[in-house]
Amino acid sequence: MFATRHSSFYTMGLLKAEEVPPVHVLADPDLTDPLSVIPASAVTVTIDDLVTAHGGARTYLASQGPVEFSVAFIVVGDEPFTSASTLTSRFFRTS
């Protein structure tokens, strides 16, 4: 599945379900002209769709959600890491 800022904020308890706008997912977009992207089809996904797909609503209210979170990032690239990118990754490491 995918995540948007709003759905992530909902999952963390920072937004109520009614505050999460729908997301339009493009299938097989034609990217040959970046100024005019034309998808083969588009689907609108709502917070209700996401809640159903993930087994139900949160069990806590937005105001009662967790206040500390663990986050991980995986960086993938087709070029070897440079000393600058390694330094950056060490700078952002918290543990």
N, C-alpha and C. Protein backbone atom coordinates (compact mmCIF):
# COMPACT_ATOMS: atom_id res chain seq x y z
N MET A 1 0.85 -1.17 0.00
CA MET A 1 0.00 0.00 0.00
C MET A 1 0.89 1.23 0.00
N PHE A 2 0.31 2.36 0.09
CA PHE A 2 1.05 3.60 0.05
C PHE A 2 0.70 4.42 1.28
N ALA A 3 1.45 5.43 1.54
CA ALA A 3 1.15 6.32 2.66
C ALA A 3 1.25 7.76 2.21
N THR A 4 0.38 8.58 2.73
CA THR A 4 0.46 10.01 2.52
C THR A 4 0.72 10.65 3.86
N ARG A 5 1.07 11.89 3.82
CA ARG A 5 1.32 12.62 5.07
C ARG A 5 0.08 12.53 5.97
N HIS A 6 -1.09 12.78 5.41
CA HIS A 6 -2.31 12.79 6.21
C HIS A 6 -2.64 11.42 6.80
N SER A 7 -2.51 10.36 5.98
CA SER A 7 -2.82 9.03 6.52
C SER A 7 -1.80 8.62 7.57
N SER A 8 -0.56 9.04 7.40
CA SER A 8 0.46 8.76 8.44
C SER A 8 0.12 9.51 9.72
N PHE A 9 -0.31 10.75 9.59
CA PHE A 9 -0.71 11.53 10.77
C PHE A 9 -1.92 10.90 11.45
N TYR A 10 -2.85 10.36 10.67
CA TYR A 10 -3.99 9.65 11.24
C TYR A 10 -3.50 8.43 12.03
N THR A 11 -2.61 7.65 11.44
CA THR A 11 -2.10 6.45 12.09
C THR A 11 -1.40 6.79 13.40
N MET A 12 -0.69 7.91 13.42
CA MET A 12 0.01 8.34 14.64
C MET A 12 -0.93 8.93 15.68
N GLY A 13 -2.19 9.18 15.28
CA GLY A 13 -3.14 9.76 16.22
C GLY A 13 -3.15 11.27 16.20
N LEU A 14 -2.50 11.88 15.21
CA LEU A 14 -2.43 13.34 15.14
C LEU A 14 -3.63 13.94 14.41
N LEU A 15 -4.31 13.15 13.60
CA LEU A 15 -5.50 13.61 12.88
C LEU A 15 -6.66 12.66 13.12
N LYS A 16 -7.86 13.21 13.09
CA LYS A 16 -9.07 12.39 13.11
C LYS A 16 -9.33 11.89 11.71
N ALA A 17 -10.08 10.80 11.57
CA ALA A 17 -10.35 10.21 10.25
C ALA A 17 -10.98 11.22 9.31
N GLU A 18 -11.90 12.04 9.81
CA GLU A 18 -12.58 13.00 8.95
C GLU A 18 -11.67 14.14 8.48
N GLU A 19 -10.47 14.22 9.02
CA GLU A 19 -9.51 15.24 8.61
C GLU A 19 -8.57 14.76 7.50
N VAL A 20 -8.69 13.49 7.12
CA VAL A 20 -7.81 12.92 6.09
C VAL A 20 -8.51 13.00 4.74
N PRO A 21 -7.95 13.77 3.79
CA PRO A 21 -8.59 13.89 2.48
C PRO A 21 -8.37 12.64 1.63
N PRO A 22 -9.22 12.43 0.62
CA PRO A 22 -9.00 11.29 -0.28
C PRO A 22 -7.73 11.47 -1.11
N VAL A 23 -7.19 10.35 -1.59
CA VAL A 23 -5.98 10.36 -2.41
C VAL A 23 -6.32 9.73 -3.75
N HIS A 24 -5.80 10.30 -4.82
CA HIS A 24 -6.02 9.76 -6.15
C HIS A 24 -4.77 9.00 -6.58
N VAL A 25 -4.93 7.72 -6.86
CA VAL A 25 -3.82 6.85 -7.25
C VAL A 25 -3.89 6.64 -8.76
N LEU A 26 -2.80 6.99 -9.45
CA LEU A 26 -2.75 6.85 -10.91
C LEU A 26 -2.14 5.51 -11.27
N ALA A 27 -2.77 4.81 -12.22
CA ALA A 27 -2.26 3.52 -12.68
C ALA A 27 -1.64 3.68 -14.06
N ASP A 28 -0.46 3.13 -14.24
CA ASP A 28 0.26 3.17 -15.52
C ASP A 28 0.27 4.55 -16.16
N PRO A 29 0.80 5.57 -15.45
CA PRO A 29 0.81 6.90 -16.04
C PRO A 29 1.80 7.02 -17.19
N ASP A 30 1.43 7.79 -18.20
CA ASP A 30 2.32 8.09 -19.31
C ASP A 30 3.15 9.31 -18.89
N LEU A 31 4.44 9.10 -18.65
CA LEU A 31 5.32 10.15 -18.14
C LEU A 31 6.21 10.75 -19.22
N THR A 32 5.90 10.52 -20.47
CA THR A 32 6.74 11.05 -21.54
C THR A 32 6.73 12.57 -21.57
N ASP A 33 5.63 13.21 -21.18
CA ASP A 33 5.56 14.66 -21.08
C ASP A 33 5.27 15.02 -19.63
N PRO A 34 6.29 15.49 -18.88
CA PRO A 34 6.09 15.76 -17.46
C PRO A 34 5.06 16.85 -17.17
N LEU A 35 4.72 17.65 -18.17
CA LEU A 35 3.72 18.70 -17.98
C LEU A 35 2.30 18.20 -18.21
N SER A 36 2.17 16.99 -18.74
CA SER A 36 0.86 16.42 -19.02
C SER A 36 0.90 14.92 -18.78
N VAL A 37 0.74 14.51 -17.53
CA VAL A 37 0.78 13.10 -17.16
C VAL A 37 -0.63 12.52 -17.35
N ILE A 38 -0.71 11.47 -18.15
CA ILE A 38 -2.01 10.85 -18.44
C ILE A 38 -1.98 9.40 -17.96
N PRO A 39 -2.82 9.09 -16.95
CA PRO A 39 -2.85 7.70 -16.45
C PRO A 39 -3.78 6.84 -17.28
N ALA A 40 -3.52 5.53 -17.26
CA ALA A 40 -4.44 4.59 -17.89
C ALA A 40 -5.76 4.57 -17.12
N SER A 41 -5.66 4.74 -15.80
CA SER A 41 -6.85 4.83 -14.95
C SER A 41 -6.46 5.50 -13.65
N ALA A 42 -7.45 5.91 -12.89
CA ALA A 42 -7.21 6.52 -11.58
C ALA A 42 -8.24 5.99 -10.60
N VAL A 43 -7.80 5.80 -9.37
CA VAL A 43 -8.68 5.31 -8.32
C VAL A 43 -8.60 6.29 -7.16
N THR A 44 -9.74 6.63 -6.59
CA THR A 44 -9.76 7.47 -5.40
C THR A 44 -9.81 6.58 -4.17
N VAL A 45 -8.86 6.79 -3.27
CA VAL A 45 -8.77 6.00 -2.04
C VAL A 45 -9.09 6.92 -0.87
N THR A 46 -10.05 6.51 -0.04
CA THR A 46 -10.45 7.31 1.12
C THR A 46 -9.86 6.72 2.39
N ILE A 47 -9.96 7.48 3.47
CA ILE A 47 -9.50 6.97 4.75
C ILE A 47 -10.29 5.74 5.15
N ASP A 48 -11.57 5.68 4.77
CA ASP A 48 -12.37 4.47 5.07
C ASP A 48 -11.80 3.24 4.36
N ASP A 49 -11.32 3.43 3.12
CA ASP A 49 -10.68 2.32 2.40
C ASP A 49 -9.43 1.84 3.13
N LEU A 50 -8.62 2.80 3.59
CA LEU A 50 -7.38 2.45 4.30
C LEU A 50 -7.67 1.77 5.63
N VAL A 51 -8.65 2.28 6.36
CA VAL A 51 -9.01 1.68 7.65
C VAL A 51 -9.48 0.25 7.44
N THR A 52 -10.32 0.03 6.44
CA THR A 52 -10.82 -1.32 6.15
C THR A 52 -9.68 -2.25 5.76
N ALA A 53 -8.76 -1.77 4.92
CA ALA A 53 -7.64 -2.59 4.46
C ALA A 53 -6.69 -2.97 5.59
N HIS A 54 -6.64 -2.14 6.63
CA HIS A 54 -5.70 -2.39 7.72
C HIS A 54 -6.36 -2.92 8.98
N GLY A 55 -7.58 -3.45 8.84
CA GLY A 55 -8.18 -4.16 9.96
C GLY A 55 -9.01 -3.34 10.92
N GLY A 56 -9.35 -2.13 10.58
CA GLY A 56 -10.23 -1.35 11.45
C GLY A 56 -9.62 -0.04 11.91
N ALA A 57 -10.43 0.75 12.55
CA ALA A 57 -10.02 2.07 13.01
C ALA A 57 -9.03 1.97 14.16
N ARG A 58 -8.35 3.08 14.41
CA ARG A 58 -7.46 3.16 15.58
C ARG A 58 -8.25 2.84 16.84
N THR A 59 -7.60 2.34 17.83
CA THR A 59 -8.27 2.02 19.08
C THR A 59 -8.16 3.15 20.09
N TYR A 60 -7.63 4.29 19.70
CA TYR A 60 -7.48 5.45 20.58
C TYR A 60 -7.89 6.71 19.81
N LEU A 61 -8.30 7.72 20.54
CA LEU A 61 -8.66 8.99 19.92
C LEU A 61 -7.40 9.75 19.54
N ALA A 62 -7.55 10.67 18.60
CA ALA A 62 -6.40 11.47 18.16
C ALA A 62 -5.73 12.16 19.35
N SER A 63 -6.51 12.66 20.28
CA SER A 63 -5.95 13.37 21.43
C SER A 63 -5.28 12.44 22.44
N GLN A 64 -5.50 11.11 22.31
CA GLN A 64 -4.93 10.15 23.25
C GLN A 64 -3.83 9.30 22.60
N GLY A 65 -3.41 9.67 21.41
CA GLY A 65 -2.41 8.89 20.68
C GLY A 65 -1.02 9.00 21.28
N PRO A 66 -0.13 8.16 20.79
CA PRO A 66 1.26 8.20 21.27
C PRO A 66 1.92 9.52 20.92
N VAL A 67 2.90 9.91 21.71
CA VAL A 67 3.60 11.18 21.46
C VAL A 67 5.07 10.97 21.06
N GLU A 68 5.54 9.73 21.12
CA GLU A 68 6.89 9.41 20.68
C GLU A 68 6.80 8.29 19.66
N PHE A 69 7.66 8.37 18.62
CA PHE A 69 7.59 7.42 17.52
C PHE A 69 8.99 6.97 17.12
N SER A 70 9.10 5.74 16.67
CA SER A 70 10.34 5.22 16.10
C SER A 70 10.22 5.33 14.59
N VAL A 71 11.28 5.81 13.95
CA VAL A 71 11.26 6.01 12.51
C VAL A 71 12.54 5.40 11.92
N ALA A 72 12.41 4.79 10.76
CA ALA A 72 13.57 4.25 10.05
C ALA A 72 13.48 4.66 8.59
N PHE A 73 14.62 4.89 7.97
CA PHE A 73 14.68 5.23 6.55
C PHE A 73 15.62 4.26 5.86
N ILE A 74 15.24 3.83 4.69
CA ILE A 74 16.10 2.98 3.88
C ILE A 74 16.40 3.76 2.61
N VAL A 75 17.69 3.96 2.36
CA VAL A 75 18.10 4.73 1.19
C VAL A 75 18.64 3.76 0.15
N VAL A 76 18.09 3.83 -1.05
CA VAL A 76 18.51 2.96 -2.14
C VAL A 76 18.91 3.85 -3.31
N GLY A 77 20.02 3.54 -3.92
CA GLY A 77 20.46 4.33 -5.07
C GLY A 77 21.25 3.50 -6.04
N ASP A 78 21.40 4.04 -7.24
CA ASP A 78 22.16 3.31 -8.25
C ASP A 78 23.61 3.77 -8.30
N GLU A 79 23.98 4.70 -7.44
CA GLU A 79 25.36 5.18 -7.34
C GLU A 79 25.92 4.83 -5.97
N PRO A 80 27.22 4.54 -5.88
CA PRO A 80 27.82 4.28 -4.56
C PRO A 80 27.71 5.52 -3.67
N PHE A 81 27.62 5.30 -2.37
CA PHE A 81 27.57 6.42 -1.45
C PHE A 81 28.88 7.18 -1.47
N THR A 82 28.78 8.49 -1.40
CA THR A 82 29.97 9.35 -1.32
C THR A 82 30.25 9.64 0.15
N SER A 83 31.39 10.24 0.44
CA SER A 83 31.69 10.59 1.83
C SER A 83 30.67 11.61 2.35
N ALA A 84 30.17 12.48 1.48
CA ALA A 84 29.16 13.47 1.90
C ALA A 84 27.85 12.78 2.27
N SER A 85 27.42 11.80 1.48
CA SER A 85 26.16 11.13 1.80
C SER A 85 26.31 10.28 3.06
N THR A 86 27.49 9.71 3.28
CA THR A 86 27.73 8.93 4.49
C THR A 86 27.71 9.85 5.70
N LEU A 87 28.32 11.02 5.59
CA LEU A 87 28.31 11.99 6.67
C LEU A 87 26.88 12.42 6.99
N THR A 88 26.09 12.66 5.97
CA THR A 88 24.70 13.05 6.17
C THR A 88 23.94 11.97 6.91
N SER A 89 24.15 10.70 6.51
CA SER A 89 23.42 9.62 7.18
C SER A 89 23.85 9.50 8.65
N ARG A 90 25.09 9.76 8.96
CA ARG A 90 25.55 9.73 10.35
C ARG A 90 24.97 10.90 11.14
N PHE A 91 24.82 12.05 10.48
CA PHE A 91 24.28 13.23 11.14
C PHE A 91 22.85 13.00 11.59
N PHE A 92 22.07 12.30 10.77
CA PHE A 92 20.66 12.10 11.09
C PHE A 92 20.41 10.85 11.93
N ARG A 93 21.41 10.06 12.18
CA ARG A 93 21.24 8.85 13.00
C ARG A 93 21.00 9.27 14.44
N THR A 94 20.00 8.65 15.09
CA THR A 94 19.67 9.02 16.48
C THR A 94 20.08 7.97 17.48
N SER A 95 20.50 6.80 17.03
CA SER A 95 20.90 5.78 18.01
C SER A 95 22.14 5.08 17.55
